[in-house]
Amino acid sequence: MDIGLTLLLRSFVYFLKIYFLMLIMRILLYWFPNVSFYDQPFYSLVRVTDPYLRLFRGILPIFLGMDLSPLFAFLVIQILIDAVP
């Protein structure tokens, strides 16, 4: 494989891993009711992760009062990470 393509694919995988960690941080912070998502740095975290999660919220209904969109968002990112050689 060309070295430029390998570098591009590895960079993409590293980006996905960092984004995955950002999603985990966001989901964990929702368990703490005293965290204000309108203050920095949480506001930036919401602005970066919300468009991706909104893709799945439009597809998946809320099941038993739980939003399952983060699970599918994690699943898609993990599939992409595993698919890249």
N, C-alpha and C. Protein backbone atom coordinates (compact mmCIF):
# COMPACT_ATOMS: atom_id res chain seq x y z
N MET A 1 0.83 -1.17 0.00
CA MET A 1 0.00 0.00 0.00
C MET A 1 0.89 1.25 0.00
N ASP A 2 0.44 2.27 -0.64
CA ASP A 2 1.18 3.52 -0.71
C ASP A 2 1.33 4.12 0.68
N ILE A 3 2.49 4.71 0.94
CA ILE A 3 2.77 5.26 2.26
C ILE A 3 1.85 6.44 2.60
N GLY A 4 1.46 7.21 1.59
CA GLY A 4 0.56 8.33 1.83
C GLY A 4 -0.82 7.86 2.24
N LEU A 5 -1.31 6.80 1.59
CA LEU A 5 -2.61 6.24 1.94
C LEU A 5 -2.59 5.61 3.33
N THR A 6 -1.49 4.95 3.67
CA THR A 6 -1.35 4.36 5.00
C THR A 6 -1.38 5.45 6.07
N LEU A 7 -0.68 6.53 5.83
CA LEU A 7 -0.68 7.64 6.78
C LEU A 7 -2.07 8.25 6.92
N LEU A 8 -2.78 8.39 5.83
CA LEU A 8 -4.13 8.94 5.85
C LEU A 8 -5.08 8.03 6.63
N LEU A 9 -5.00 6.73 6.40
CA LEU A 9 -5.87 5.79 7.09
C LEU A 9 -5.56 5.74 8.59
N ARG A 10 -4.29 5.76 8.94
CA ARG A 10 -3.92 5.77 10.37
C ARG A 10 -4.39 7.04 11.05
N SER A 11 -4.28 8.16 10.37
CA SER A 11 -4.76 9.42 10.93
C SER A 11 -6.27 9.37 11.14
N PHE A 12 -6.97 8.79 10.19
CA PHE A 12 -8.42 8.65 10.31
C PHE A 12 -8.78 7.77 11.51
N VAL A 13 -8.06 6.68 11.70
CA VAL A 13 -8.32 5.79 12.83
C VAL A 13 -8.03 6.51 14.15
N TYR A 14 -6.95 7.26 14.23
CA TYR A 14 -6.65 8.01 15.45
C TYR A 14 -7.72 9.05 15.74
N PHE A 15 -8.20 9.71 14.69
CA PHE A 15 -9.30 10.67 14.86
C PHE A 15 -10.53 9.97 15.42
N LEU A 16 -10.87 8.80 14.87
CA LEU A 16 -12.04 8.06 15.34
C LEU A 16 -11.88 7.63 16.80
N LYS A 17 -10.68 7.25 17.19
CA LYS A 17 -10.45 6.85 18.57
C LYS A 17 -10.61 8.03 19.53
N ILE A 18 -10.12 9.18 19.14
CA ILE A 18 -10.27 10.38 19.97
C ILE A 18 -11.74 10.78 20.05
N TYR A 19 -12.45 10.69 18.93
CA TYR A 19 -13.87 11.03 18.91
C TYR A 19 -14.66 10.04 19.77
N PHE A 20 -14.27 8.78 19.74
CA PHE A 20 -14.89 7.75 20.58
C PHE A 20 -14.74 8.11 22.05
N LEU A 21 -13.55 8.54 22.45
CA LEU A 21 -13.33 8.96 23.84
C LEU A 21 -14.15 10.20 24.20
N MET A 22 -14.31 11.11 23.27
CA MET A 22 -15.13 12.29 23.51
C MET A 22 -16.59 11.90 23.72
N LEU A 23 -17.07 10.94 22.94
CA LEU A 23 -18.45 10.46 23.12
C LEU A 23 -18.62 9.80 24.49
N ILE A 24 -17.64 9.03 24.90
CA ILE A 24 -17.71 8.40 26.22
C ILE A 24 -17.75 9.45 27.32
N MET A 25 -16.91 10.48 27.20
CA MET A 25 -16.90 11.55 28.19
C MET A 25 -18.26 12.23 28.25
N ARG A 26 -18.86 12.48 27.10
CA ARG A 26 -20.15 13.15 27.08
C ARG A 26 -21.23 12.30 27.74
N ILE A 27 -21.25 11.01 27.44
CA ILE A 27 -22.26 10.13 28.02
C ILE A 27 -22.07 10.02 29.53
N LEU A 28 -20.83 9.91 29.98
CA LEU A 28 -20.57 9.82 31.42
C LEU A 28 -20.95 11.10 32.15
N LEU A 29 -20.75 12.24 31.52
CA LEU A 29 -21.08 13.51 32.17
C LEU A 29 -22.59 13.70 32.33
N TYR A 30 -23.40 13.04 31.53
CA TYR A 30 -24.84 13.15 31.67
C TYR A 30 -25.34 12.51 32.95
N TRP A 31 -24.54 11.67 33.58
CA TRP A 31 -24.94 11.05 34.84
C TRP A 31 -24.81 12.01 36.01
N PHE A 32 -24.13 13.11 35.82
CA PHE A 32 -23.93 14.09 36.88
C PHE A 32 -24.85 15.29 36.62
N PRO A 33 -25.92 15.42 37.40
CA PRO A 33 -26.90 16.48 37.13
C PRO A 33 -26.37 17.89 37.41
N ASN A 34 -25.31 18.04 38.17
CA ASN A 34 -24.81 19.37 38.47
C ASN A 34 -23.85 19.91 37.41
N VAL A 35 -23.57 19.13 36.35
CA VAL A 35 -22.69 19.60 35.28
C VAL A 35 -23.51 20.46 34.33
N SER A 36 -23.06 21.67 34.12
CA SER A 36 -23.73 22.58 33.19
C SER A 36 -23.07 22.45 31.82
N PHE A 37 -23.86 22.04 30.84
CA PHE A 37 -23.32 21.87 29.49
C PHE A 37 -23.27 23.20 28.73
N TYR A 38 -23.61 24.28 29.39
CA TYR A 38 -23.53 25.60 28.76
C TYR A 38 -22.25 26.33 29.15
N ASP A 39 -21.42 25.72 29.96
CA ASP A 39 -20.14 26.29 30.35
C ASP A 39 -19.01 25.53 29.66
N GLN A 40 -17.89 26.21 29.47
CA GLN A 40 -16.73 25.56 28.88
C GLN A 40 -16.08 24.65 29.90
N PRO A 41 -15.49 23.57 29.57
CA PRO A 41 -15.25 22.98 28.26
C PRO A 41 -16.38 22.06 27.78
N PHE A 42 -17.42 21.93 28.60
CA PHE A 42 -18.50 21.00 28.26
C PHE A 42 -19.30 21.45 27.06
N TYR A 43 -19.43 22.75 26.89
CA TYR A 43 -20.18 23.27 25.75
C TYR A 43 -19.49 22.89 24.44
N SER A 44 -18.18 22.96 24.41
CA SER A 44 -17.44 22.55 23.21
C SER A 44 -17.59 21.06 22.95
N LEU A 45 -17.59 20.28 24.00
CA LEU A 45 -17.76 18.83 23.86
C LEU A 45 -19.13 18.50 23.27
N VAL A 46 -20.16 19.19 23.72
CA VAL A 46 -21.51 18.97 23.19
C VAL A 46 -21.58 19.42 21.73
N ARG A 47 -20.98 20.54 21.42
CA ARG A 47 -21.03 21.03 20.03
C ARG A 47 -20.32 20.12 19.06
N VAL A 48 -19.28 19.44 19.51
CA VAL A 48 -18.53 18.55 18.63
C VAL A 48 -19.23 17.21 18.47
N THR A 49 -19.82 16.69 19.53
CA THR A 49 -20.40 15.35 19.48
C THR A 49 -21.88 15.31 19.11
N ASP A 50 -22.59 16.40 19.30
CA ASP A 50 -24.04 16.40 19.07
C ASP A 50 -24.45 16.13 17.62
N PRO A 51 -23.80 16.70 16.61
CA PRO A 51 -24.24 16.40 15.24
C PRO A 51 -24.18 14.91 14.89
N TYR A 52 -23.17 14.22 15.37
CA TYR A 52 -23.04 12.79 15.09
C TYR A 52 -24.13 12.00 15.81
N LEU A 53 -24.39 12.35 17.07
CA LEU A 53 -25.43 11.64 17.82
C LEU A 53 -26.82 11.93 17.26
N ARG A 54 -27.03 13.14 16.74
CA ARG A 54 -28.32 13.49 16.16
C ARG A 54 -28.67 12.63 14.95
N LEU A 55 -27.65 12.15 14.25
CA LEU A 55 -27.90 11.25 13.12
C LEU A 55 -28.66 10.01 13.58
N PHE A 56 -28.28 9.48 14.72
CA PHE A 56 -28.90 8.26 15.22
C PHE A 56 -30.19 8.53 15.98
N ARG A 57 -30.31 9.69 16.57
CA ARG A 57 -31.56 10.03 17.26
C ARG A 57 -32.72 10.16 16.28
N GLY A 58 -32.44 10.57 15.07
CA GLY A 58 -33.49 10.68 14.07
C GLY A 58 -33.94 9.33 13.55
N ILE A 59 -33.10 8.31 13.67
CA ILE A 59 -33.42 6.98 13.16
C ILE A 59 -34.04 6.10 14.24
N LEU A 60 -33.47 6.16 15.44
CA LEU A 60 -33.88 5.26 16.52
C LEU A 60 -34.88 5.94 17.46
N PRO A 61 -35.98 5.27 17.75
CA PRO A 61 -36.90 5.84 18.74
C PRO A 61 -36.37 5.61 20.15
N ILE A 62 -36.91 6.35 21.10
CA ILE A 62 -36.54 6.15 22.50
C ILE A 62 -37.22 4.88 22.98
N PHE A 63 -36.43 4.00 23.59
CA PHE A 63 -36.91 2.68 24.01
C PHE A 63 -36.95 2.62 25.53
N LEU A 64 -38.16 2.46 26.09
CA LEU A 64 -38.34 2.39 27.54
C LEU A 64 -37.73 3.58 28.27
N GLY A 65 -37.84 4.74 27.68
CA GLY A 65 -37.33 5.95 28.30
C GLY A 65 -35.83 6.15 28.19
N MET A 66 -35.16 5.29 27.41
CA MET A 66 -33.71 5.41 27.25
C MET A 66 -33.38 5.76 25.80
N ASP A 67 -32.42 6.63 25.65
CA ASP A 67 -31.92 7.00 24.32
C ASP A 67 -30.82 6.02 23.94
N LEU A 68 -31.08 5.20 22.93
CA LEU A 68 -30.10 4.18 22.52
C LEU A 68 -29.18 4.66 21.40
N SER A 69 -29.31 5.91 21.01
CA SER A 69 -28.48 6.41 19.91
C SER A 69 -26.98 6.35 20.21
N PRO A 70 -26.52 6.61 21.45
CA PRO A 70 -25.07 6.49 21.69
C PRO A 70 -24.54 5.08 21.48
N LEU A 71 -25.33 4.08 21.79
CA LEU A 71 -24.86 2.71 21.58
C LEU A 71 -24.59 2.43 20.11
N PHE A 72 -25.50 2.87 19.26
CA PHE A 72 -25.30 2.67 17.83
C PHE A 72 -24.20 3.57 17.28
N ALA A 73 -24.04 4.74 17.87
CA ALA A 73 -22.94 5.63 17.47
C ALA A 73 -21.60 4.98 17.80
N PHE A 74 -21.50 4.38 19.00
CA PHE A 74 -20.28 3.66 19.37
C PHE A 74 -20.04 2.48 18.45
N LEU A 75 -21.09 1.77 18.13
CA LEU A 75 -20.98 0.59 17.27
C LEU A 75 -20.45 0.95 15.89
N VAL A 76 -20.98 2.01 15.30
CA VAL A 76 -20.53 2.43 13.97
C VAL A 76 -19.06 2.86 13.99
N ILE A 77 -18.67 3.63 14.99
CA ILE A 77 -17.27 4.05 15.07
C ILE A 77 -16.36 2.84 15.26
N GLN A 78 -16.77 1.90 16.10
CA GLN A 78 -15.94 0.72 16.33
C GLN A 78 -15.82 -0.13 15.06
N ILE A 79 -16.89 -0.25 14.31
CA ILE A 79 -16.84 -0.98 13.05
C ILE A 79 -15.89 -0.30 12.07
N LEU A 80 -15.92 1.02 12.01
CA LEU A 80 -15.01 1.74 11.12
C LEU A 80 -13.56 1.57 11.56
N ILE A 81 -13.31 1.61 12.86
CA ILE A 81 -11.93 1.42 13.34
C ILE A 81 -11.44 0.04 13.00
N ASP A 82 -12.29 -0.97 13.17
CA ASP A 82 -11.87 -2.34 12.89
C ASP A 82 -11.76 -2.62 11.39
N ALA A 83 -12.49 -1.88 10.57
CA ALA A 83 -12.48 -2.12 9.13
C ALA A 83 -11.22 -1.60 8.44
N VAL A 84 -10.62 -0.57 9.03
CA VAL A 84 -9.43 0.01 8.43
C VAL A 84 -8.23 -0.88 8.76
N PRO A 85 -7.50 -1.30 7.74
CA PRO A 85 -6.36 -2.20 8.00
C PRO A 85 -5.20 -1.51 8.69
